[in-house]
Amino acid sequence: MFTTGRTPRPRRRMGRSSKGNTMRIGILGTGTIATAVVRGLVGDGHKITVSERSRTNAAALACAYDNVTVADNQTVIDQSDVIFLGLMAEQAPDILGALVFRADQQVITLMAGASLAEADALVAPAQAVAIMMPFPSIAEGGSAIMMHGDTGLIDTLFGARNHIFALPTPDEMDAYLCAQAVLSPIARMLEDAGDWLGARVSDPAQGEAFLRHLVSSSLAATPAAALVQALNTPGGYNQRLRLHMEKVEMRTALRQGLTALENGD
């Protein structure tokens, strides 16, 4: 993480633009997540300007959507009232330091590794009003979005199609950032189970699709602890595999990994 030494300023609440729900939105950085954010916004009629930093992604967005244009970083700033920072935190000071922001602009940061206060200091006299961490599924809707800051702005932009988890403090945001990393090992476990199943069935792709739907639908409908209990039939397949995984210290390894993330290891 980087530090700036500046004192955070009071937050402004987001008001709707003079054109109703539509806004002038700028995106600095067009990596995987920023590109998904654009795809999740284009259907609402916003005028969106994306930076040239990832030329392939930027060109694909402009080609696919009439309300998306590509420009250099300063033009993105000049043409926007709400700006998303889809940059790497370690690169942000150099990139943002070369740009001129306006006092009436509001900034949403997507940068892991940089707090809302740190981002705020880098975009003065604009204000960084929210930090959010979406996932690629935001492109289609239904994404979990963890955020801290101006809930009203995030809800206006994304609330109709996604699930927003507003967090009251930076410390809670950091804890959520660590805990969300469970997604990658879960995906790997599903991949491995799918490979195991695929070697034994006629349609491996259907087998993996079944596992993904099984896990997502089950967890969407039932809290984790209740699902474990419901799948705890003595001698049943689920209980036997879970006990095997616990015997090889799966739960201990997970907690140790999360704590290591928390400690910056």
C-alpha atoms as a PDB file:
ATOM      1  CA  MET A   1       0.000   0.000   0.000  1.00  0.00           C
ATOM      2  CA  PHE A   2       1.082   3.597  -0.530  1.00  0.00           C
ATOM      3  CA  THR A   3       0.613   6.576   1.759  1.00  0.00           C
ATOM      4  CA  THR A   4      -0.042  10.199   0.968  1.00  0.00           C
ATOM      5  CA  GLY A   5      -0.065  12.098   4.248  1.00  0.00           C
ATOM      6  CA  ARG A   6      -3.168  14.095   3.317  1.00  0.00           C
ATOM      7  CA  THR A   7      -6.207  14.386   5.535  1.00  0.00           C
ATOM      8  CA  PRO A   8      -9.407  12.929   4.010  1.00  0.00           C
ATOM      9  CA  ARG A   9     -12.069  15.517   3.194  1.00  0.00           C
ATOM     10  CA  PRO A  10     -15.784  15.359   4.038  1.00  0.00           C
ATOM     11  CA  ARG A  11     -17.773  13.237   1.603  1.00  0.00           C
ATOM     12  CA  ARG A  12     -20.344  14.654  -0.795  1.00  0.00           C
ATOM     13  CA  ARG A  13     -23.510  12.721  -1.458  1.00  0.00           C
ATOM     14  CA  MET A  14     -24.186  11.789  -5.061  1.00  0.00           C
ATOM     15  CA  GLY A  15     -27.041  13.557  -6.793  1.00  0.00           C
ATOM     16  CA  ARG A  16     -28.591  12.402 -10.044  1.00  0.00           C
ATOM     17  CA  SER A  17     -27.385  14.087 -13.190  1.00  0.00           C
ATOM     18  CA  SER A  18     -29.384  16.753 -14.967  1.00  0.00           C
ATOM     19  CA  LYS A  19     -30.420  14.084 -17.487  1.00  0.00           C
ATOM     20  CA  GLY A  20     -32.097  11.876 -14.892  1.00  0.00           C
ATOM     21  CA  ASN A  21     -30.384   8.551 -14.289  1.00  0.00           C
ATOM     22  CA  THR A  22     -27.784   8.942 -17.038  1.00  0.00           C
ATOM     23  CA  MET A  23     -24.298  10.129 -16.176  1.00  0.00           C
ATOM     24  CA  ARG A  24     -20.987  10.921 -17.823  1.00  0.00           C
ATOM     25  CA  ILE A  25     -18.732   8.126 -16.629  1.00  0.00           C
ATOM     26  CA  GLY A  26     -14.993   7.690 -17.123  1.00  0.00           C
ATOM     27  CA  ILE A  27     -12.973   4.513 -16.638  1.00  0.00           C
ATOM     28  CA  LEU A  28      -9.220   4.707 -16.054  1.00  0.00           C
ATOM     29  CA  GLY A  29      -7.883   1.249 -16.819  1.00  0.00           C
ATOM     30  CA  THR A  30      -9.703  -1.424 -18.786  1.00  0.00           C
ATOM     31  CA  GLY A  31      -8.517  -4.677 -17.256  1.00  0.00           C
ATOM     32  CA  THR A  32     -10.795  -7.629 -16.590  1.00  0.00           C
ATOM     33  CA  ILE A  33     -12.777  -6.089 -13.714  1.00  0.00           C
ATOM     34  CA  ALA A  34     -13.007  -2.567 -15.166  1.00  0.00           C
ATOM     35  CA  THR A  35     -14.175  -4.029 -18.473  1.00  0.00           C
ATOM     36  CA  ALA A  36     -16.854  -6.027 -16.653  1.00  0.00           C
ATOM     37  CA  VAL A  37     -17.955  -2.850 -14.858  1.00  0.00           C
ATOM     38  CA  VAL A  38     -18.377  -1.093 -18.219  1.00  0.00           C
ATOM     39  CA  ARG A  39     -20.448  -3.981 -19.559  1.00  0.00           C
ATOM     40  CA  GLY A  40     -22.605  -3.795 -16.448  1.00  0.00           C
ATOM     41  CA  LEU A  41     -23.250  -0.063 -16.988  1.00  0.00           C
ATOM     42  CA  VAL A  42     -23.722   0.352 -20.736  1.00  0.00           C
ATOM     43  CA  GLY A  43     -27.354  -0.735 -20.805  1.00  0.00           C
ATOM     44  CA  ASP A  44     -28.405   2.213 -18.647  1.00  0.00           C
ATOM     45  CA  GLY A  45     -27.584   4.805 -21.316  1.00  0.00           C
ATOM     46  CA  HIS A  46     -24.632   6.464 -19.598  1.00  0.00           C
ATOM     47  CA  LYS A  47     -22.030   8.207 -21.743  1.00  0.00           C
ATOM     48  CA  ILE A  48     -18.899   6.180 -20.965  1.00  0.00           C
ATOM     49  CA  THR A  49     -15.322   7.111 -21.858  1.00  0.00           C
ATOM     50  CA  VAL A  50     -12.638   4.465 -21.325  1.00  0.00           C
ATOM     51  CA  SER A  51      -8.886   4.913 -21.288  1.00  0.00           C
ATOM     52  CA  GLU A  52      -6.456   3.484 -23.812  1.00  0.00           C
ATOM     53  CA  ARG A  53      -4.401   1.624 -21.192  1.00  0.00           C
ATOM     54  CA  SER A  54      -5.596  -1.776 -22.408  1.00  0.00           C
ATOM     55  CA  ARG A  55      -6.103  -1.035 -26.094  1.00  0.00           C
ATOM     56  CA  THR A  56      -7.602  -4.418 -26.983  1.00  0.00           C
ATOM     57  CA  ASN A  57     -10.275  -4.287 -24.271  1.00  0.00           C
ATOM     58  CA  ALA A  58     -10.990  -0.602 -24.862  1.00  0.00           C
ATOM     59  CA  ALA A  59     -11.387  -1.063 -28.611  1.00  0.00           C
ATOM     60  CA  ALA A  60     -13.666  -4.073 -28.106  1.00  0.00           C
ATOM     61  CA  LEU A  61     -15.930  -2.069 -25.783  1.00  0.00           C
ATOM     62  CA  ALA A  62     -16.137   0.888 -28.173  1.00  0.00           C
ATOM     63  CA  CYS A  63     -16.899  -1.453 -31.057  1.00  0.00           C
ATOM     64  CA  ALA A  64     -19.633  -3.269 -29.147  1.00  0.00           C
ATOM     65  CA  TYR A  65     -21.452  -0.266 -27.629  1.00  0.00           C
ATOM     66  CA  ASP A  66     -22.479   3.038 -29.202  1.00  0.00           C
ATOM     67  CA  ASN A  67     -22.262   4.897 -25.885  1.00  0.00           C
ATOM     68  CA  VAL A  68     -18.623   3.914 -25.206  1.00  0.00           C
ATOM     69  CA  THR A  69     -15.674   5.901 -26.592  1.00  0.00           C
ATOM     70  CA  VAL A  70     -11.913   5.566 -26.109  1.00  0.00           C
ATOM     71  CA  ALA A  71      -9.621   8.453 -25.141  1.00  0.00           C
ATOM     72  CA  ASP A  72      -6.335   9.256 -23.441  1.00  0.00           C
ATOM     73  CA  ASN A  73      -6.340   9.510 -19.649  1.00  0.00           C
ATOM     74  CA  GLN A  74      -6.775  13.281 -19.398  1.00  0.00           C
ATOM     75  CA  THR A  75      -9.624  13.305 -21.894  1.00  0.00           C
ATOM     76  CA  VAL A  76     -11.330  10.578 -19.861  1.00  0.00           C
ATOM     77  CA  ILE A  77     -11.150  12.907 -16.856  1.00  0.00           C
ATOM     78  CA  ASP A  78     -12.265  15.979 -18.798  1.00  0.00           C
ATOM     79  CA  GLN A  79     -15.348  14.258 -20.237  1.00  0.00           C
ATOM     80  CA  SER A  80     -16.575  12.624 -17.014  1.00  0.00           C
ATOM     81  CA  ASP A  81     -18.403  13.502 -13.811  1.00  0.00           C
ATOM     82  CA  VAL A  82     -18.054  10.055 -12.195  1.00  0.00           C
ATOM     83  CA  ILE A  83     -14.699   8.313 -12.623  1.00  0.00           C
ATOM     84  CA  PHE A  84     -13.718   4.716 -11.875  1.00  0.00           C
ATOM     85  CA  LEU A  85     -10.100   3.932 -11.017  1.00  0.00           C
ATOM     86  CA  GLY A  86      -9.333   0.496 -12.435  1.00  0.00           C
ATOM     87  CA  LEU A  87      -5.579   0.831 -11.897  1.00  0.00           C
ATOM     88  CA  MET A  88      -2.959  -1.185 -10.047  1.00  0.00           C
ATOM     89  CA  ALA A  89      -2.418   0.489  -6.682  1.00  0.00           C
ATOM     90  CA  GLU A  90       1.349   0.645  -7.098  1.00  0.00           C
ATOM     91  CA  GLN A  91       0.997   2.448 -10.437  1.00  0.00           C
ATOM     92  CA  ALA A  92      -1.712   4.857  -9.343  1.00  0.00           C
ATOM     93  CA  PRO A  93       0.427   7.659  -7.839  1.00  0.00           C
ATOM     94  CA  ASP A  94       2.421   8.157 -11.049  1.00  0.00           C
ATOM     95  CA  ILE A  95      -0.593   7.889 -13.357  1.00  0.00           C
ATOM     96  CA  LEU A  96      -2.969  10.048 -11.325  1.00  0.00           C
ATOM     97  CA  GLY A  97      -0.302  12.575 -10.414  1.00  0.00           C
ATOM     98  CA  ALA A  98      -0.059  13.551 -14.083  1.00  0.00           C
ATOM     99  CA  LEU A  99      -3.793  14.226 -14.398  1.00  0.00           C
ATOM    100  CA  VAL A 100      -5.930  17.258 -13.545  1.00  0.00           C
ATOM    101  CA  PHE A 101      -9.244  16.580 -11.806  1.00  0.00           C
ATOM    102  CA  ARG A 102     -12.143  18.954 -11.096  1.00  0.00           C
ATOM    103  CA  ALA A 103     -13.715  19.713  -7.735  1.00  0.00           C
ATOM    104  CA  ASP A 104     -17.159  18.640  -8.943  1.00  0.00           C
ATOM    105  CA  GLN A 105     -16.048  15.124  -9.881  1.00  0.00           C
ATOM    106  CA  GLN A 106     -16.683  11.982  -7.854  1.00  0.00           C
ATOM    107  CA  VAL A 107     -14.363   9.002  -7.983  1.00  0.00           C
ATOM    108  CA  ILE A 108     -15.014   5.330  -7.299  1.00  0.00           C
ATOM    109  CA  THR A 109     -11.893   3.254  -6.774  1.00  0.00           C
ATOM    110  CA  LEU A 110     -11.633  -0.422  -7.726  1.00  0.00           C
ATOM    111  CA  MET A 111      -8.041  -0.657  -6.474  1.00  0.00           C
ATOM    112  CA  ALA A 112      -7.200  -3.412  -4.041  1.00  0.00           C
ATOM    113  CA  GLY A 113      -4.240  -2.414  -1.899  1.00  0.00           C
ATOM    114  CA  ALA A 114      -5.191   1.263  -1.639  1.00  0.00           C
ATOM    115  CA  SER A 115      -7.666   2.622   0.876  1.00  0.00           C
ATOM    116  CA  LEU A 116     -10.441   5.066   0.091  1.00  0.00           C
ATOM    117  CA  ALA A 117      -8.548   7.794   1.953  1.00  0.00           C
ATOM    118  CA  GLU A 118      -5.404   7.144  -0.092  1.00  0.00           C
ATOM    119  CA  ALA A 119      -7.312   7.270  -3.357  1.00  0.00           C
ATOM    120  CA  ASP A 120      -9.044  10.456  -2.214  1.00  0.00           C
ATOM    121  CA  ALA A 121      -5.742  12.232  -1.711  1.00  0.00           C
ATOM    122  CA  LEU A 122      -4.549  11.261  -5.189  1.00  0.00           C
ATOM    123  CA  VAL A 123      -7.543  12.713  -7.068  1.00  0.00           C
ATOM    124  CA  ALA A 124      -7.849  16.103  -5.338  1.00  0.00           C
ATOM    125  CA  PRO A 125      -9.701  18.394  -5.838  1.00  0.00           C
ATOM    126  CA  ALA A 126     -12.134  15.651  -6.909  1.00  0.00           C
ATOM    127  CA  GLN A 127     -13.318  13.299  -4.178  1.00  0.00           C
ATOM    128  CA  ALA A 128     -12.996   9.539  -3.946  1.00  0.00           C
ATOM    129  CA  VAL A 129     -16.436   8.811  -2.522  1.00  0.00           C
ATOM    130  CA  ALA A 130     -16.464   5.002  -2.561  1.00  0.00           C
ATOM    131  CA  ILE A 131     -14.267   1.951  -2.859  1.00  0.00           C
ATOM    132  CA  MET A 132     -15.876  -1.139  -4.338  1.00  0.00           C
ATOM    133  CA  MET A 133     -14.729  -4.625  -5.243  1.00  0.00           C
ATOM    134  CA  PRO A 134     -16.973  -6.316  -7.808  1.00  0.00           C
ATOM    135  CA  PHE A 135     -16.417  -9.587  -9.619  1.00  0.00           C
ATOM    136  CA  PRO A 136     -16.551 -10.395 -13.353  1.00  0.00           C
ATOM    137  CA  SER A 137     -20.214 -11.399 -13.022  1.00  0.00           C
ATOM    138  CA  ILE A 138     -21.101  -7.702 -12.646  1.00  0.00           C
ATOM    139  CA  ALA A 139     -21.104  -7.641 -16.464  1.00  0.00           C
ATOM    140  CA  GLU A 140     -24.335  -9.663 -16.510  1.00  0.00           C
ATOM    141  CA  GLY A 141     -25.663  -8.697 -13.085  1.00  0.00           C
ATOM    142  CA  GLY A 142     -26.069 -10.784  -9.971  1.00  0.00           C
ATOM    143  CA  SER A 143     -22.584  -9.952  -8.695  1.00  0.00           C
ATOM    144  CA  ALA A 144     -21.723  -9.532  -5.043  1.00  0.00           C
ATOM    145  CA  ILE A 145     -20.265  -6.028  -4.577  1.00  0.00           C
ATOM    146  CA  MET A 146     -18.456  -5.228  -1.356  1.00  0.00           C
ATOM    147  CA  MET A 147     -18.017  -1.506  -0.853  1.00  0.00           C
ATOM    148  CA  HIS A 148     -17.221   1.242   1.617  1.00  0.00           C
ATOM    149  CA  GLY A 149     -18.242   4.878   1.260  1.00  0.00           C
ATOM    150  CA  ASP A 150     -21.155   6.434  -0.610  1.00  0.00           C
ATOM    151  CA  THR A 151     -23.703   3.632  -0.708  1.00  0.00           C
ATOM    152  CA  GLY A 152     -26.196   5.839  -2.539  1.00  0.00           C
ATOM    153  CA  LEU A 153     -23.948   6.281  -5.565  1.00  0.00           C
ATOM    154  CA  ILE A 154     -23.103   2.579  -5.800  1.00  0.00           C
ATOM    155  CA  ASP A 155     -26.759   1.664  -5.376  1.00  0.00           C
ATOM    156  CA  THR A 156     -27.797   4.120  -8.101  1.00  0.00           C
ATOM    157  CA  LEU A 157     -25.317   2.629 -10.539  1.00  0.00           C
ATOM    158  CA  PHE A 158     -25.450  -1.067  -9.689  1.00  0.00           C
ATOM    159  CA  GLY A 159     -28.134  -1.811  -7.108  1.00  0.00           C
ATOM    160  CA  ALA A 160     -30.918  -2.787  -9.506  1.00  0.00           C
ATOM    161  CA  ARG A 161     -29.060  -5.843 -10.803  1.00  0.00           C
ATOM    162  CA  ASN A 162     -26.479  -6.740  -8.160  1.00  0.00           C
ATOM    163  CA  HIS A 163     -26.117  -7.497  -4.458  1.00  0.00           C
ATOM    164  CA  ILE A 164     -24.380  -4.676  -2.584  1.00  0.00           C
ATOM    165  CA  PHE A 165     -22.685  -5.342   0.756  1.00  0.00           C
ATOM    166  CA  ALA A 166     -22.010  -1.942   2.345  1.00  0.00           C
ATOM    167  CA  LEU A 167     -19.278  -1.967   4.993  1.00  0.00           C
ATOM    168  CA  PRO A 168     -19.054   0.743   7.673  1.00  0.00           C
ATOM    169  CA  THR A 169     -15.273   0.901   8.191  1.00  0.00           C
ATOM    170  CA  PRO A 170     -12.018   0.428   6.241  1.00  0.00           C
ATOM    171  CA  ASP A 171     -11.077  -2.402   8.629  1.00  0.00           C
ATOM    172  CA  GLU A 172     -14.215  -4.328   7.693  1.00  0.00           C
ATOM    173  CA  MET A 173     -13.481  -3.708   4.017  1.00  0.00           C
ATOM    174  CA  ASP A 174     -10.010  -5.189   4.511  1.00  0.00           C
ATOM    175  CA  ALA A 175     -11.471  -8.246   6.255  1.00  0.00           C
ATOM    176  CA  TYR A 176     -13.941  -8.807   3.403  1.00  0.00           C
ATOM    177  CA  LEU A 177     -11.110  -8.460   0.878  1.00  0.00           C
ATOM    178  CA  CYS A 178      -9.241 -11.243   2.624  1.00  0.00           C
ATOM    179  CA  ALA A 179     -12.276 -13.495   3.009  1.00  0.00           C
ATOM    180  CA  GLN A 180     -13.367 -13.140  -0.623  1.00  0.00           C
ATOM    181  CA  ALA A 181     -10.139 -14.873  -1.632  1.00  0.00           C
ATOM    182  CA  VAL A 182     -11.874 -18.141  -0.739  1.00  0.00           C
ATOM    183  CA  LEU A 183     -13.421 -17.955  -4.220  1.00  0.00           C
ATOM    184  CA  SER A 184     -10.225 -19.071  -5.957  1.00  0.00           C
ATOM    185  CA  PRO A 185      -9.666 -22.241  -3.875  1.00  0.00           C
ATOM    186  CA  ILE A 186     -13.360 -23.079  -4.176  1.00  0.00           C
ATOM    187  CA  ALA A 187     -13.101 -22.728  -7.958  1.00  0.00           C
ATOM    188  CA  ARG A 188     -10.003 -24.938  -7.947  1.00  0.00           C
ATOM    189  CA  MET A 189     -11.813 -27.575  -5.891  1.00  0.00           C
ATOM    190  CA  LEU A 190     -14.686 -27.536  -8.375  1.00  0.00           C
ATOM    191  CA  GLU A 191     -12.229 -27.772 -11.270  1.00  0.00           C
ATOM    192  CA  ASP A 192     -10.532 -30.777  -9.669  1.00  0.00           C
ATOM    193  CA  ALA A 193     -13.848 -32.463  -8.886  1.00  0.00           C
ATOM    194  CA  GLY A 194     -14.974 -31.749 -12.440  1.00  0.00           C
ATOM    195  CA  ASP A 195     -11.785 -33.311 -13.845  1.00  0.00           C
ATOM    196  CA  TRP A 196     -12.295 -36.376 -11.657  1.00  0.00           C
ATOM    197  CA  LEU A 197     -15.915 -36.659 -12.804  1.00  0.00           C
ATOM    198  CA  GLY A 198     -15.067 -35.918 -16.424  1.00  0.00           C
ATOM    199  CA  ALA A 199     -12.756 -38.912 -16.618  1.00  0.00           C
ATOM    200  CA  ARG A 200     -15.685 -41.141 -15.670  1.00  0.00           C
ATOM    201  CA  VAL A 201     -18.631 -39.793 -17.700  1.00  0.00           C
ATOM    202  CA  SER A 202     -19.483 -39.326 -21.375  1.00  0.00           C
ATOM    203  CA  ASP A 203     -19.969 -35.529 -21.178  1.00  0.00           C
ATOM    204  CA  PRO A 204     -17.279 -33.835 -19.011  1.00  0.00           C
ATOM    205  CA  ALA A 205     -18.625 -30.327 -19.720  1.00  0.00           C
ATOM    206  CA  GLN A 206     -22.073 -31.296 -18.454  1.00  0.00           C
ATOM    207  CA  GLY A 207     -20.484 -32.791 -15.366  1.00  0.00           C
ATOM    208  CA  GLU A 208     -18.707 -29.562 -14.474  1.00  0.00           C
ATOM    209  CA  ALA A 209     -21.843 -27.509 -15.214  1.00  0.00           C
ATOM    210  CA  PHE A 210     -23.765 -29.753 -12.837  1.00  0.00           C
ATOM    211  CA  LEU A 211     -21.225 -29.199 -10.052  1.00  0.00           C
ATOM    212  CA  ARG A 212     -21.196 -25.424 -10.539  1.00  0.00           C
ATOM    213  CA  HIS A 213     -24.975 -25.216 -10.482  1.00  0.00           C
ATOM    214  CA  LEU A 214     -25.158 -27.550  -7.485  1.00  0.00           C
ATOM    215  CA  VAL A 215     -22.807 -25.438  -5.406  1.00  0.00           C
ATOM    216  CA  SER A 216     -24.103 -22.003  -6.446  1.00  0.00           C
ATOM    217  CA  SER A 217     -27.793 -22.846  -6.041  1.00  0.00           C
ATOM    218  CA  SER A 218     -27.287 -24.639  -2.737  1.00  0.00           C
ATOM    219  CA  LEU A 219     -25.283 -21.842  -1.131  1.00  0.00           C
ATOM    220  CA  ALA A 220     -27.567 -19.134  -2.529  1.00  0.00           C
ATOM    221  CA  ALA A 221     -30.550 -20.722  -0.790  1.00  0.00           C
ATOM    222  CA  THR A 222     -29.016 -21.823   2.533  1.00  0.00           C
ATOM    223  CA  PRO A 223     -26.490 -20.398   5.032  1.00  0.00           C
ATOM    224  CA  ALA A 224     -23.239 -22.373   5.021  1.00  0.00           C
ATOM    225  CA  ALA A 225     -23.536 -23.814   8.532  1.00  0.00           C
ATOM    226  CA  ALA A 226     -27.110 -24.956   7.887  1.00  0.00           C
ATOM    227  CA  LEU A 227     -26.063 -26.547   4.596  1.00  0.00           C
ATOM    228  CA  VAL A 228     -23.261 -28.474   6.294  1.00  0.00           C
ATOM    229  CA  GLN A 229     -25.769 -29.775   8.826  1.00  0.00           C
ATOM    230  CA  ALA A 230     -28.289 -30.687   6.134  1.00  0.00           C
ATOM    231  CA  LEU A 231     -25.577 -32.651   4.315  1.00  0.00           C
ATOM    232  CA  ASN A 232     -24.432 -34.412   7.471  1.00  0.00           C
ATOM    233  CA  THR A 233     -26.303 -37.698   7.008  1.00  0.00           C
ATOM    234  CA  PRO A 234     -24.259 -40.336   8.884  1.00  0.00           C
ATOM    235  CA  GLY A 235     -22.335 -42.425   6.378  1.00  0.00           C
ATOM    236  CA  GLY A 236     -23.533 -40.295   3.444  1.00  0.00           C
ATOM    237  CA  TYR A 237     -21.277 -39.259   0.586  1.00  0.00           C
ATOM    238  CA  ASN A 238     -21.153 -35.596   1.646  1.00  0.00           C
ATOM    239  CA  GLN A 239     -20.341 -36.361   5.257  1.00  0.00           C
ATOM    240  CA  ARG A 240     -17.654 -38.878   4.343  1.00  0.00           C
ATOM    241  CA  LEU A 241     -15.857 -36.537   1.930  1.00  0.00           C
ATOM    242  CA  ARG A 242     -16.100 -33.589   4.337  1.00  0.00           C
ATOM    243  CA  LEU A 243     -14.663 -35.643   7.203  1.00  0.00           C
ATOM    244  CA  HIS A 244     -11.820 -36.765   4.936  1.00  0.00           C
ATOM    245  CA  MET A 245     -11.049 -33.155   3.997  1.00  0.00           C
ATOM    246  CA  GLU A 246     -11.169 -32.058   7.628  1.00  0.00           C
ATOM    247  CA  LYS A 247      -8.862 -34.927   8.581  1.00  0.00           C
ATOM    248  CA  VAL A 248      -6.228 -33.623   6.177  1.00  0.00           C
ATOM    249  CA  GLU A 249      -6.475 -30.192   7.857  1.00  0.00           C
ATOM    250  CA  MET A 250      -8.485 -28.375   5.167  1.00  0.00           C
ATOM    251  CA  ARG A 251     -10.123 -26.038   7.714  1.00  0.00           C
ATOM    252  CA  THR A 252      -6.859 -25.284   9.493  1.00  0.00           C
ATOM    253  CA  ALA A 253      -5.114 -24.495   6.213  1.00  0.00           C
ATOM    254  CA  LEU A 254      -7.925 -22.142   5.198  1.00  0.00           C
ATOM    255  CA  ARG A 255      -7.822 -20.183   8.458  1.00  0.00           C
ATOM    256  CA  GLN A 256      -4.041 -19.970   8.321  1.00  0.00           C
ATOM    257  CA  GLY A 257      -4.190 -18.677   4.754  1.00  0.00           C
ATOM    258  CA  LEU A 258      -6.787 -16.027   5.597  1.00  0.00           C
ATOM    259  CA  THR A 259      -4.746 -14.853   8.590  1.00  0.00           C
ATOM    260  CA  ALA A 260      -1.644 -14.652   6.410  1.00  0.00           C
ATOM    261  CA  LEU A 261      -3.531 -12.395   3.983  1.00  0.00           C
ATOM    262  CA  GLU A 262      -4.703 -10.244   6.891  1.00  0.00           C
ATOM    263  CA  ASN A 263      -1.121  -9.868   8.098  1.00  0.00           C
ATOM    264  CA  GLY A 264       0.211  -9.060   4.640  1.00  0.00           C
ATOM    265  CA  ASP A 265       2.226 -12.267   4.357  1.00  0.00           C
END
